[in-house]
Amino acid sequence: MEERFFASFIHCYFIAFGVVLGGALIGSIGAFATGEPPLTAIGRIASKLRIWAIAAAIGGTFDAFANFEKALDGSAMDVFKQILIILSAMGGVKTAIALLSWTIQEEVG
């Protein structure tokens, strides 16, 4: 069971990271095609994708709430693991935002 938790922890981090990074970069191609500045679009798109990346990484919002509810009926360790999974996804988003902000030399709001 512990191996499964660590695998989920790592997967959630990189899924959230990939959603923000990939979505912003691919979205900037559309901005370029329509005549908008692509670097500005990267920052704008990345800030809009934050919550969606977390929801995608944890498997959708309803699944996370269902797991959290099951964990509340169970042990405190299950609640702690679910919180760590969510924090992992948030860390992936934060890392992607920091990388994009560093790359485009703008603050991503």
PDB file of N, CA and C in Angstrom:
ATOM      1  N   MET A   1       0.819  -1.197   0.000  1.00  0.00           N
ATOM      2  CA  MET A   1       0.000   0.000   0.000  1.00  0.00           C
ATOM      3  C   MET A   1       0.863   1.262   0.000  1.00  0.00           C
ATOM      4  N   GLU A   2       1.985   1.230   0.686  1.00  0.00           N
ATOM      5  CA  GLU A   2       2.861   2.396   0.719  1.00  0.00           C
ATOM      6  C   GLU A   2       3.441   2.693  -0.664  1.00  0.00           C
ATOM      7  N   GLU A   3       3.793   1.656  -1.409  1.00  0.00           N
ATOM      8  CA  GLU A   3       4.323   1.868  -2.749  1.00  0.00           C
ATOM      9  C   GLU A   3       3.284   2.528  -3.642  1.00  0.00           C
ATOM     10  N   ARG A   4       2.038   2.148  -3.485  1.00  0.00           N
ATOM     11  CA  ARG A   4       0.958   2.738  -4.269  1.00  0.00           C
ATOM     12  C   ARG A   4       0.786   4.219  -3.932  1.00  0.00           C
ATOM     13  N   PHE A   5       0.924   4.568  -2.659  1.00  0.00           N
ATOM     14  CA  PHE A   5       0.797   5.965  -2.258  1.00  0.00           C
ATOM     15  C   PHE A   5       1.905   6.818  -2.871  1.00  0.00           C
ATOM     16  N   PHE A   6       3.147   6.343  -2.808  1.00  0.00           N
ATOM     17  CA  PHE A   6       4.255   7.116  -3.364  1.00  0.00           C
ATOM     18  C   PHE A   6       4.134   7.251  -4.876  1.00  0.00           C
ATOM     19  N   ALA A   7       3.648   6.222  -5.532  1.00  0.00           N
ATOM     20  CA  ALA A   7       3.428   6.311  -6.977  1.00  0.00           C
ATOM     21  C   ALA A   7       2.355   7.352  -7.287  1.00  0.00           C
ATOM     22  N   SER A   8       1.274   7.359  -6.535  1.00  0.00           N
ATOM     23  CA  SER A   8       0.208   8.355  -6.726  1.00  0.00           C
ATOM     24  C   SER A   8       0.716   9.759  -6.428  1.00  0.00           C
ATOM     25  N   PHE A   9       1.533   9.883  -5.413  1.00  0.00           N
ATOM     26  CA  PHE A   9       2.100  11.169  -5.026  1.00  0.00           C
ATOM     27  C   PHE A   9       2.929  11.754  -6.170  1.00  0.00           C
ATOM     28  N   ILE A  10       3.788  10.931  -6.746  1.00  0.00           N
ATOM     29  CA  ILE A  10       4.649  11.380  -7.848  1.00  0.00           C
ATOM     30  C   ILE A  10       3.826  11.633  -9.113  1.00  0.00           C
ATOM     31  N   HIS A  11       2.870  10.768  -9.395  1.00  0.00           N
ATOM     32  CA  HIS A  11       2.023  10.954 -10.578  1.00  0.00           C
ATOM     33  C   HIS A  11       1.247  12.265 -10.493  1.00  0.00           C
ATOM     34  N   CYS A  12       0.675  12.554  -9.347  1.00  0.00           N
ATOM     35  CA  CYS A  12      -0.105  13.793  -9.201  1.00  0.00           C
ATOM     36  C   CYS A  12       0.755  15.024  -9.428  1.00  0.00           C
ATOM     37  N   TYR A  13       1.969  14.994  -8.917  1.00  0.00           N
ATOM     38  CA  TYR A  13       2.876  16.124  -9.112  1.00  0.00           C
ATOM     39  C   TYR A  13       3.124  16.375 -10.598  1.00  0.00           C
ATOM     40  N   PHE A  14       3.490  15.327 -11.313  1.00  0.00           N
ATOM     41  CA  PHE A  14       3.865  15.503 -12.714  1.00  0.00           C
ATOM     42  C   PHE A  14       2.661  15.703 -13.631  1.00  0.00           C
ATOM     43  N   ILE A  15       1.518  15.189 -13.269  1.00  0.00           N
ATOM     44  CA  ILE A  15       0.315  15.455 -14.071  1.00  0.00           C
ATOM     45  C   ILE A  15      -0.047  16.937 -13.980  1.00  0.00           C
ATOM     46  N   ALA A  16      -0.044  17.486 -12.775  1.00  0.00           N
ATOM     47  CA  ALA A  16      -0.349  18.907 -12.605  1.00  0.00           C
ATOM     48  C   ALA A  16       0.697  19.774 -13.299  1.00  0.00           C
ATOM     49  N   PHE A  17       1.959  19.389 -13.179  1.00  0.00           N
ATOM     50  CA  PHE A  17       3.043  20.104 -13.850  1.00  0.00           C
ATOM     51  C   PHE A  17       2.841  20.098 -15.366  1.00  0.00           C
ATOM     52  N   GLY A  18       2.513  18.941 -15.910  1.00  0.00           N
ATOM     53  CA  GLY A  18       2.331  18.806 -17.350  1.00  0.00           C
ATOM     54  C   GLY A  18       1.116  19.537 -17.880  1.00  0.00           C
ATOM     55  N   VAL A  19       0.036  19.559 -17.109  1.00  0.00           N
ATOM     56  CA  VAL A  19      -1.166  20.263 -17.555  1.00  0.00           C
ATOM     57  C   VAL A  19      -0.885  21.757 -17.696  1.00  0.00           C
ATOM     58  N   VAL A  20      -0.227  22.343 -16.707  1.00  0.00           N
ATOM     59  CA  VAL A  20       0.053  23.782 -16.767  1.00  0.00           C
ATOM     60  C   VAL A  20       1.075  24.080 -17.852  1.00  0.00           C
ATOM     61  N   LEU A  21       2.173  23.340 -17.859  1.00  0.00           N
ATOM     62  CA  LEU A  21       3.237  23.609 -18.824  1.00  0.00           C
ATOM     63  C   LEU A  21       2.774  23.346 -20.257  1.00  0.00           C
ATOM     64  N   GLY A  22       2.185  22.208 -20.495  1.00  0.00           N
ATOM     65  CA  GLY A  22       1.726  21.872 -21.835  1.00  0.00           C
ATOM     66  C   GLY A  22       0.586  22.755 -22.302  1.00  0.00           C
ATOM     67  N   GLY A  23      -0.365  23.009 -21.436  1.00  0.00           N
ATOM     68  CA  GLY A  23      -1.497  23.852 -21.806  1.00  0.00           C
ATOM     69  C   GLY A  23      -1.075  25.274 -22.149  1.00  0.00           C
ATOM     70  N   ALA A  24      -0.147  25.815 -21.379  1.00  0.00           N
ATOM     71  CA  ALA A  24       0.313  27.181 -21.643  1.00  0.00           C
ATOM     72  C   ALA A  24       1.113  27.253 -22.940  1.00  0.00           C
ATOM     73  N   LEU A  25       1.964  26.276 -23.150  1.00  0.00           N
ATOM     74  CA  LEU A  25       2.786  26.311 -24.371  1.00  0.00           C
ATOM     75  C   LEU A  25       1.961  26.061 -25.628  1.00  0.00           C
ATOM     76  N   ILE A  26       1.079  25.099 -25.595  1.00  0.00           N
ATOM     77  CA  ILE A  26       0.231  24.826 -26.753  1.00  0.00           C
ATOM     78  C   ILE A  26      -0.764  25.962 -26.967  1.00  0.00           C
ATOM     79  N   GLY A  27      -1.281  26.523 -25.887  1.00  0.00           N
ATOM     80  CA  GLY A  27      -2.189  27.659 -26.005  1.00  0.00           C
ATOM     81  C   GLY A  27      -1.525  28.881 -26.613  1.00  0.00           C
ATOM     82  N   SER A  28      -0.233  29.029 -26.348  1.00  0.00           N
ATOM     83  CA  SER A  28       0.470  30.188 -26.917  1.00  0.00           C
ATOM     84  C   SER A  28       0.620  30.066 -28.434  1.00  0.00           C
ATOM     85  N   ILE A  29       0.569  28.853 -28.952  1.00  0.00           N
ATOM     86  CA  ILE A  29       0.593  28.676 -30.413  1.00  0.00           C
ATOM     87  C   ILE A  29      -0.676  29.278 -31.017  1.00  0.00           C
ATOM     88  N   GLY A  30      -1.796  29.064 -30.353  1.00  0.00           N
ATOM     89  CA  GLY A  30      -3.048  29.671 -30.806  1.00  0.00           C
ATOM     90  C   GLY A  30      -3.006  31.187 -30.721  1.00  0.00           C
ATOM     91  N   ALA A  31      -2.376  31.713 -29.674  1.00  0.00           N
ATOM     92  CA  ALA A  31      -2.242  33.166 -29.562  1.00  0.00           C
ATOM     93  C   ALA A  31      -1.370  33.713 -30.681  1.00  0.00           C
ATOM     94  N   PHE A  32      -0.304  33.017 -30.983  1.00  0.00           N
ATOM     95  CA  PHE A  32       0.581  33.433 -32.076  1.00  0.00           C
ATOM     96  C   PHE A  32      -0.157  33.424 -33.412  1.00  0.00           C
ATOM     97  N   ALA A  33      -0.980  32.398 -33.623  1.00  0.00           N
ATOM     98  CA  ALA A  33      -1.724  32.277 -34.880  1.00  0.00           C
ATOM     99  C   ALA A  33      -2.756  33.384 -35.050  1.00  0.00           C
ATOM    100  N   THR A  34      -3.250  33.931 -33.931  1.00  0.00           N
ATOM    101  CA  THR A  34      -4.248  35.001 -34.016  1.00  0.00           C
ATOM    102  C   THR A  34      -3.633  36.389 -33.880  1.00  0.00           C
ATOM    103  N   GLY A  35      -2.312  36.477 -33.822  1.00  0.00           N
ATOM    104  CA  GLY A  35      -1.654  37.774 -33.803  1.00  0.00           C
ATOM    105  C   GLY A  35      -1.439  38.356 -32.420  1.00  0.00           C
ATOM    106  N   GLU A  36      -1.681  37.600 -31.369  1.00  0.00           N
ATOM    107  CA  GLU A  36      -1.435  38.072 -30.002  1.00  0.00           C
ATOM    108  C   GLU A  36       0.003  37.746 -29.611  1.00  0.00           C
ATOM    109  N   PRO A  37       0.556  38.466 -28.632  1.00  0.00           N
ATOM    110  CA  PRO A  37       1.917  38.140 -28.180  1.00  0.00           C
ATOM    111  C   PRO A  37       1.935  36.803 -27.427  1.00  0.00           C
ATOM    112  N   PRO A  38       2.700  35.830 -27.897  1.00  0.00           N
ATOM    113  CA  PRO A  38       2.650  34.494 -27.298  1.00  0.00           C
ATOM    114  C   PRO A  38       3.201  34.432 -25.880  1.00  0.00           C
ATOM    115  N   LEU A  39       4.209  35.227 -25.545  1.00  0.00           N
ATOM    116  CA  LEU A  39       4.756  35.160 -24.188  1.00  0.00           C
ATOM    117  C   LEU A  39       3.775  35.693 -23.162  1.00  0.00           C
ATOM    118  N   THR A  40       3.053  36.722 -23.504  1.00  0.00           N
ATOM    119  CA  THR A  40       2.014  37.227 -22.610  1.00  0.00           C
ATOM    120  C   THR A  40       0.888  36.211 -22.475  1.00  0.00           C
ATOM    121  N   ALA A  41       0.575  35.555 -23.568  1.00  0.00           N
ATOM    122  CA  ALA A  41      -0.477  34.532 -23.538  1.00  0.00           C
ATOM    123  C   ALA A  41      -0.081  33.354 -22.667  1.00  0.00           C
ATOM    124  N   ILE A  42       1.199  32.998 -22.645  1.00  0.00           N
ATOM    125  CA  ILE A  42       1.658  31.895 -21.800  1.00  0.00           C
ATOM    126  C   ILE A  42       1.343  32.195 -20.342  1.00  0.00           C
ATOM    127  N   GLY A  43       1.663  33.389 -19.894  1.00  0.00           N
ATOM    128  CA  GLY A  43       1.390  33.765 -18.504  1.00  0.00           C
ATOM    129  C   GLY A  43      -0.097  33.796 -18.191  1.00  0.00           C
ATOM    130  N   ARG A  44      -0.882  34.331 -19.089  1.00  0.00           N
ATOM    131  CA  ARG A  44      -2.328  34.417 -18.883  1.00  0.00           C
ATOM    132  C   ARG A  44      -2.960  33.029 -18.838  1.00  0.00           C
ATOM    133  N   ILE A  45      -2.579  32.186 -19.769  1.00  0.00           N
ATOM    134  CA  ILE A  45      -3.151  30.834 -19.836  1.00  0.00           C
ATOM    135  C   ILE A  45      -2.723  30.015 -18.619  1.00  0.00           C
ATOM    136  N   ALA A  46      -1.457  30.122 -18.232  1.00  0.00           N
ATOM    137  CA  ALA A  46      -0.963  29.364 -17.079  1.00  0.00           C
ATOM    138  C   ALA A  46      -1.711  29.736 -15.803  1.00  0.00           C
ATOM    139  N   SER A  47      -2.006  31.011 -15.624  1.00  0.00           N
ATOM    140  CA  SER A  47      -2.731  31.408 -14.414  1.00  0.00           C
ATOM    141  C   SER A  47      -4.173  30.896 -14.423  1.00  0.00           C
ATOM    142  N   LYS A  48      -4.765  30.757 -15.611  1.00  0.00           N
ATOM    143  CA  LYS A  48      -6.133  30.230 -15.705  1.00  0.00           C
ATOM    144  C   LYS A  48      -6.183  28.716 -15.527  1.00  0.00           C
ATOM    145  N   LEU A  49      -5.087  28.028 -15.810  1.00  0.00           N
ATOM    146  CA  LEU A  49      -5.067  26.570 -15.742  1.00  0.00           C
ATOM    147  C   LEU A  49      -4.753  26.016 -14.346  1.00  0.00           C
ATOM    148  N   ARG A  50      -4.434  26.849 -13.395  1.00  0.00           N
ATOM    149  CA  ARG A  50      -4.005  26.373 -12.075  1.00  0.00           C
ATOM    150  C   ARG A  50      -4.982  25.394 -11.445  1.00  0.00           C
ATOM    151  N   ILE A  51      -6.199  25.807 -11.234  1.00  0.00           N
ATOM    152  CA  ILE A  51      -7.164  24.965 -10.523  1.00  0.00           C
ATOM    153  C   ILE A  51      -7.525  23.730 -11.338  1.00  0.00           C
ATOM    154  N   TRP A  52      -7.549  23.878 -12.675  1.00  0.00           N
ATOM    155  CA  TRP A  52      -7.883  22.735 -13.523  1.00  0.00           C
ATOM    156  C   TRP A  52      -6.773  21.689 -13.496  1.00  0.00           C
ATOM    157  N   ALA A  53      -5.544  22.135 -13.363  1.00  0.00           N
ATOM    158  CA  ALA A  53      -4.427  21.187 -13.280  1.00  0.00           C
ATOM    159  C   ALA A  53      -4.497  20.379 -11.986  1.00  0.00           C
ATOM    160  N   ILE A  54      -4.859  21.030 -10.900  1.00  0.00           N
ATOM    161  CA  ILE A  54      -4.991  20.320  -9.625  1.00  0.00           C
ATOM    162  C   ILE A  54      -6.136  19.322  -9.701  1.00  0.00           C
ATOM    163  N   ALA A  55      -7.264  19.751 -10.275  1.00  0.00           N
ATOM    164  CA  ALA A  55      -8.415  18.842 -10.399  1.00  0.00           C
ATOM    165  C   ALA A  55      -8.083  17.657 -11.302  1.00  0.00           C
ATOM    166  N   ALA A  56      -7.356  17.892 -12.385  1.00  0.00           N
ATOM    167  CA  ALA A  56      -6.983  16.795 -13.275  1.00  0.00           C
ATOM    168  C   ALA A  56      -6.005  15.838 -12.602  1.00  0.00           C
ATOM    169  N   ALA A  57      -5.094  16.373 -11.832  1.00  0.00           N
ATOM    170  CA  ALA A  57      -4.079  15.535 -11.192  1.00  0.00           C
ATOM    171  C   ALA A  57      -4.665  14.625 -10.116  1.00  0.00           C
ATOM    172  N   ILE A  58      -5.641  15.118  -9.377  1.00  0.00           N
ATOM    173  CA  ILE A  58      -6.196  14.283  -8.306  1.00  0.00           C
ATOM    174  C   ILE A  58      -7.350  13.429  -8.805  1.00  0.00           C
ATOM    175  N   GLY A  59      -7.624  13.476 -10.091  1.00  0.00           N
ATOM    176  CA  GLY A  59      -8.623  12.584 -10.665  1.00  0.00           C
ATOM    177  C   GLY A  59     -10.014  13.159 -10.698  1.00  0.00           C
ATOM    178  N   GLY A  60     -10.141  14.453 -10.708  1.00  0.00           N
ATOM    179  CA  GLY A  60     -11.457  15.083 -10.730  1.00  0.00           C
ATOM    180  C   GLY A  60     -11.882  15.464  -9.321  1.00  0.00           C
ATOM    181  N   THR A  61     -12.658  16.497  -9.204  1.00  0.00           N
ATOM    182  CA  THR A  61     -12.998  17.012  -7.882  1.00  0.00           C
ATOM    183  C   THR A  61     -13.906  16.070  -7.103  1.00  0.00           C
ATOM    184  N   PHE A  62     -14.846  15.416  -7.772  1.00  0.00           N
ATOM    185  CA  PHE A  62     -15.779  14.561  -7.046  1.00  0.00           C
ATOM    186  C   PHE A  62     -15.092  13.314  -6.501  1.00  0.00           C
ATOM    187  N   ASP A  63     -14.148  12.765  -7.238  1.00  0.00           N
ATOM    188  CA  ASP A  63     -13.400  11.608  -6.742  1.00  0.00           C
ATOM    189  C   ASP A  63     -12.585  11.978  -5.513  1.00  0.00           C
ATOM    190  N   ALA A  64     -11.980  13.159  -5.534  1.00  0.00           N
ATOM    191  CA  ALA A  64     -11.176  13.580  -4.389  1.00  0.00           C
ATOM    192  C   ALA A  64     -12.051  13.764  -3.155  1.00  0.00           C
ATOM    193  N   PHE A  65     -13.223  14.348  -3.341  1.00  0.00           N
ATOM    194  CA  PHE A  65     -14.118  14.529  -2.194  1.00  0.00           C
ATOM    195  C   PHE A  65     -14.642  13.192  -1.683  1.00  0.00           C
ATOM    196  N   ALA A  66     -14.898  12.267  -2.600  1.00  0.00           N
ATOM    197  CA  ALA A  66     -15.356  10.940  -2.182  1.00  0.00           C
ATOM    198  C   ALA A  66     -14.267  10.219  -1.395  1.00  0.00           C
ATOM    199  N   ASN A  67     -13.037  10.307  -1.871  1.00  0.00           N
ATOM    200  CA  ASN A  67     -11.929   9.690  -1.142  1.00  0.00           C
ATOM    201  C   ASN A  67     -11.715  10.353   0.205  1.00  0.00           C
ATOM    202  N   PHE A  68     -11.869  11.662   0.229  1.00  0.00           N
ATOM    203  CA  PHE A  68     -11.701  12.396   1.485  1.00  0.00           C
ATOM    204  C   PHE A  68     -12.791  12.001   2.485  1.00  0.00           C
ATOM    205  N   GLU A  69     -14.018  11.825   1.986  1.00  0.00           N
ATOM    206  CA  GLU A  69     -15.123  11.415   2.854  1.00  0.00           C
ATOM    207  C   GLU A  69     -14.894  10.009   3.397  1.00  0.00           C
ATOM    208  N   LYS A  70     -14.413   9.103   2.546  1.00  0.00           N
ATOM    209  CA  LYS A  70     -14.092   7.749   2.999  1.00  0.00           C
ATOM    210  C   LYS A  70     -12.990   7.779   4.046  1.00  0.00           C
ATOM    211  N   ALA A  71     -12.017   8.665   3.831  1.00  0.00           N
ATOM    212  CA  ALA A  71     -10.902   8.760   4.764  1.00  0.00           C
ATOM    213  C   ALA A  71     -11.352   9.297   6.117  1.00  0.00           C
ATOM    214  N   LEU A  72     -12.347  10.176   6.125  1.00  0.00           N
ATOM    215  CA  LEU A  72     -12.847  10.700   7.395  1.00  0.00           C
ATOM    216  C   LEU A  72     -13.495   9.610   8.233  1.00  0.00           C
ATOM    217  N   ASP A  73     -14.102   8.626   7.571  1.00  0.00           N
ATOM    218  CA  ASP A  73     -14.681   7.502   8.296  1.00  0.00           C
ATOM    219  C   ASP A  73     -13.602   6.519   8.742  1.00  0.00           C
ATOM    220  N   GLY A  74     -12.455   6.563   8.102  1.00  0.00           N
ATOM    221  CA  GLY A  74     -11.361   5.641   8.405  1.00  0.00           C
ATOM    222  C   GLY A  74     -10.378   6.248   9.389  1.00  0.00           C
ATOM    223  N   SER A  75      -9.110   6.007   9.139  1.00  0.00           N
ATOM    224  CA  SER A  75      -8.071   6.461  10.050  1.00  0.00           C
ATOM    225  C   SER A  75      -7.575   7.858   9.684  1.00  0.00           C
ATOM    226  N   ALA A  76      -6.853   8.432  10.604  1.00  0.00           N
ATOM    227  CA  ALA A  76      -6.274   9.754  10.379  1.00  0.00           C
ATOM    228  C   ALA A  76      -5.176   9.684   9.317  1.00  0.00           C
ATOM    229  N   MET A  77      -4.551   8.535   9.177  1.00  0.00           N
ATOM    230  CA  MET A  77      -3.491   8.378   8.183  1.00  0.00           C
ATOM    231  C   MET A  77      -4.045   8.508   6.766  1.00  0.00           C
ATOM    232  N   ASP A  78      -5.265   8.018   6.528  1.00  0.00           N
ATOM    233  CA  ASP A  78      -5.887   8.150   5.201  1.00  0.00           C
ATOM    234  C   ASP A  78      -6.179   9.603   4.878  1.00  0.00           C
ATOM    235  N   VAL A  79      -6.611  10.370   5.852  1.00  0.00           N
ATOM    236  CA  VAL A  79      -6.858  11.806   5.648  1.00  0.00           C
ATOM    237  C   VAL A  79      -5.541  12.501   5.327  1.00  0.00           C
ATOM    238  N   PHE A  80      -4.516  12.158   6.069  1.00  0.00           N
ATOM    239  CA  PHE A  80      -3.202  12.759   5.854  1.00  0.00           C
ATOM    240  C   PHE A  80      -2.673  12.442   4.462  1.00  0.00           C
ATOM    241  N   LYS A  81      -2.845  11.207   3.996  1.00  0.00           N
ATOM    242  CA  LYS A  81      -2.394  10.817   2.664  1.00  0.00           C
ATOM    243  C   LYS A  81      -3.139  11.591   1.583  1.00  0.00           C
ATOM    244  N   GLN A  82      -4.443  11.784   1.761  1.00  0.00           N
ATOM    245  CA  GLN A  82      -5.224  12.525   0.764  1.00  0.00           C
ATOM    246  C   GLN A  82      -4.794  13.988   0.713  1.00  0.00           C
ATOM    247  N   ILE A  83      -4.492  14.554   1.859  1.00  0.00           N
ATOM    248  CA  ILE A  83      -4.003  15.938   1.898  1.00  0.00           C
ATOM    249  C   ILE A  83      -2.646  16.034   1.211  1.00  0.00           C
ATOM    250  N   LEU A  84      -1.785  15.043   1.412  1.00  0.00           N
ATOM    251  CA  LEU A  84      -0.478  15.045   0.750  1.00  0.00           C
ATOM    252  C   LEU A  84      -0.602  14.923  -0.763  1.00  0.00           C
ATOM    253  N   ILE A  85      -1.571  14.155  -1.230  1.00  0.00           N
ATOM    254  CA  ILE A  85      -1.803  14.034  -2.674  1.00  0.00           C
ATOM    255  C   ILE A  85      -2.198  15.391  -3.254  1.00  0.00           C
ATOM    256  N   ILE A  86      -3.084  16.096  -2.572  1.00  0.00           N
ATOM    257  CA  ILE A  86      -3.515  17.423  -3.039  1.00  0.00           C
ATOM    258  C   ILE A  86      -2.349  18.405  -3.001  1.00  0.00           C
ATOM    259  N   LEU A  87      -1.543  18.357  -1.948  1.00  0.00           N
ATOM    260  CA  LEU A  87      -0.377  19.235  -1.867  1.00  0.00           C
ATOM    261  C   LEU A  87       0.647  18.916  -2.946  1.00  0.00           C
ATOM    262  N   SER A  88       0.762  17.656  -3.311  1.00  0.00           N
ATOM    263  CA  SER A  88       1.656  17.269  -4.392  1.00  0.00           C
ATOM    264  C   SER A  88       1.216  17.905  -5.704  1.00  0.00           C
ATOM    265  N   ALA A  89      -0.070  17.863  -5.979  1.00  0.00           N
ATOM    266  CA  ALA A  89      -0.595  18.490  -7.194  1.00  0.00           C
ATOM    267  C   ALA A  89      -0.367  20.001  -7.167  1.00  0.00           C
ATOM    268  N   MET A  90      -0.555  20.606  -6.011  1.00  0.00           N
ATOM    269  CA  MET A  90      -0.315  22.046  -5.891  1.00  0.00           C
ATOM    270  C   MET A  90       1.162  22.377  -6.103  1.00  0.00           C
ATOM    271  N   GLY A  91       2.044  21.490  -5.642  1.00  0.00           N
ATOM    272  CA  GLY A  91       3.473  21.690  -5.868  1.00  0.00           C
ATOM    273  C   GLY A  91       3.837  21.605  -7.337  1.00  0.00           C
ATOM    274  N   GLY A  92       3.205  20.688  -8.065  1.00  0.00           N
ATOM    275  CA  GLY A  92       3.449  20.587  -9.499  1.00  0.00           C
ATOM    276  C   GLY A  92       3.020  21.842 -10.234  1.00  0.00           C
ATOM    277  N   VAL A  93       1.884  22.388  -9.835  1.00  0.00           N
ATOM    278  CA  VAL A  93       1.402  23.635 -10.446  1.00  0.00           C
ATOM    279  C   VAL A  93       2.363  24.776 -10.141  1.00  0.00           C
ATOM    280  N   LYS A  94       2.787  24.869  -8.899  1.00  0.00           N
ATOM    281  CA  LYS A  94       3.688  25.951  -8.496  1.00  0.00           C
ATOM    282  C   LYS A  94       5.032  25.859  -9.229  1.00  0.00           C
ATOM    283  N   THR A  95       5.537  24.645  -9.400  1.00  0.00           N
ATOM    284  CA  THR A  95       6.796  24.463 -10.118  1.00  0.00           C
ATOM    285  C   THR A  95       6.659  24.871 -11.586  1.00  0.00           C
ATOM    286  N   ALA A  96       5.566  24.486 -12.216  1.00  0.00           N
ATOM    287  CA  ALA A  96       5.342  24.856 -13.613  1.00  0.00           C
ATOM    288  C   ALA A  96       5.194  26.368 -13.767  1.00  0.00           C
ATOM    289  N   ILE A  97       4.466  26.994 -12.856  1.00  0.00           N
ATOM    290  CA  ILE A  97       4.302  28.454 -12.895  1.00  0.00           C
ATOM    291  C   ILE A  97       5.655  29.142 -12.716  1.00  0.00           C
ATOM    292  N   ALA A  98       6.466  28.644 -11.788  1.00  0.00           N
ATOM    293  CA  ALA A  98       7.787  29.240 -11.559  1.00  0.00           C
ATOM    294  C   ALA A  98       8.677  29.074 -12.789  1.00  0.00           C
ATOM    295  N   LEU A  99       8.639  27.905 -13.422  1.00  0.00           N
ATOM    296  CA  LEU A  99       9.442  27.667 -14.615  1.00  0.00           C
ATOM    297  C   LEU A  99       8.995  28.573 -15.763  1.00  0.00           C
ATOM    298  N   LEU A 100       7.695  28.687 -15.957  1.00  0.00           N
ATOM    299  CA  LEU A 100       7.189  29.554 -17.024  1.00  0.00           C
ATOM    300  C   LEU A 100       7.498  31.024 -16.734  1.00  0.00           C
ATOM    301  N   SER A 101       7.346  31.425 -15.489  1.00  0.00           N
ATOM    302  CA  SER A 101       7.637  32.808 -15.107  1.00  0.00           C
ATOM    303  C   SER A 101       9.108  33.136 -15.344  1.00  0.00           C
ATOM    304  N   TRP A 102       9.969  32.189 -15.020  1.00  0.00           N
ATOM    305  CA  TRP A 102      11.396  32.367 -15.258  1.00  0.00           C
ATOM    306  C   TRP A 102      11.698  32.423 -16.751  1.00  0.00           C
ATOM    307  N   THR A 103      11.023  31.606 -17.531  1.00  0.00           N
ATOM    308  CA  THR A 103      11.273  31.538 -18.960  1.00  0.00           C
ATOM    309  C   THR A 103      10.793  32.781 -19.694  1.00  0.00           C
ATOM    310  N   ILE A 104       9.601  33.257 -19.379  1.00  0.00           N
ATOM    311  CA  ILE A 104       9.046  34.400 -20.108  1.00  0.00           C
ATOM    312  C   ILE A 104       9.434  35.736 -19.476  1.00  0.00           C
ATOM    313  N   GLN A 105      10.096  35.693 -18.320  1.00  0.00           N
ATOM    314  CA  GLN A 105      10.553  36.887 -17.625  1.00  0.00           C
ATOM    315  C   GLN A 105       9.413  37.848 -17.282  1.00  0.00           C
ATOM    316  N   GLU A 106       8.261  37.282 -16.951  1.00  0.00           N
ATOM    317  CA  GLU A 106       7.113  38.055 -16.499  1.00  0.00           C
ATOM    318  C   GLU A 106       6.541  37.367 -15.265  1.00  0.00           C
ATOM    319  N   GLU A 107       5.853  38.132 -14.454  1.00  0.00           N
ATOM    320  CA  GLU A 107       5.167  37.546 -13.305  1.00  0.00           C
ATOM    321  C   GLU A 107       3.879  36.911 -13.781  1.00  0.00           C
ATOM    322  N   VAL A 108       3.689  35.635 -13.451  1.00  0.00           N
ATOM    323  CA  VAL A 108       2.460  34.945 -13.808  1.00  0.00           C
ATOM    324  C   VAL A 108       1.504  35.126 -12.648  1.00  0.00           C
ATOM    325  N   GLY A 109       0.386  35.836 -12.919  1.00  0.00           N
ATOM    326  CA  GLY A 109      -0.557  36.216 -11.867  1.00  0.00           C
ATOM    327  C   GLY A 109      -1.329  35.088 -11.394  1.00  0.00           C
TER     328      GLY A 109
END
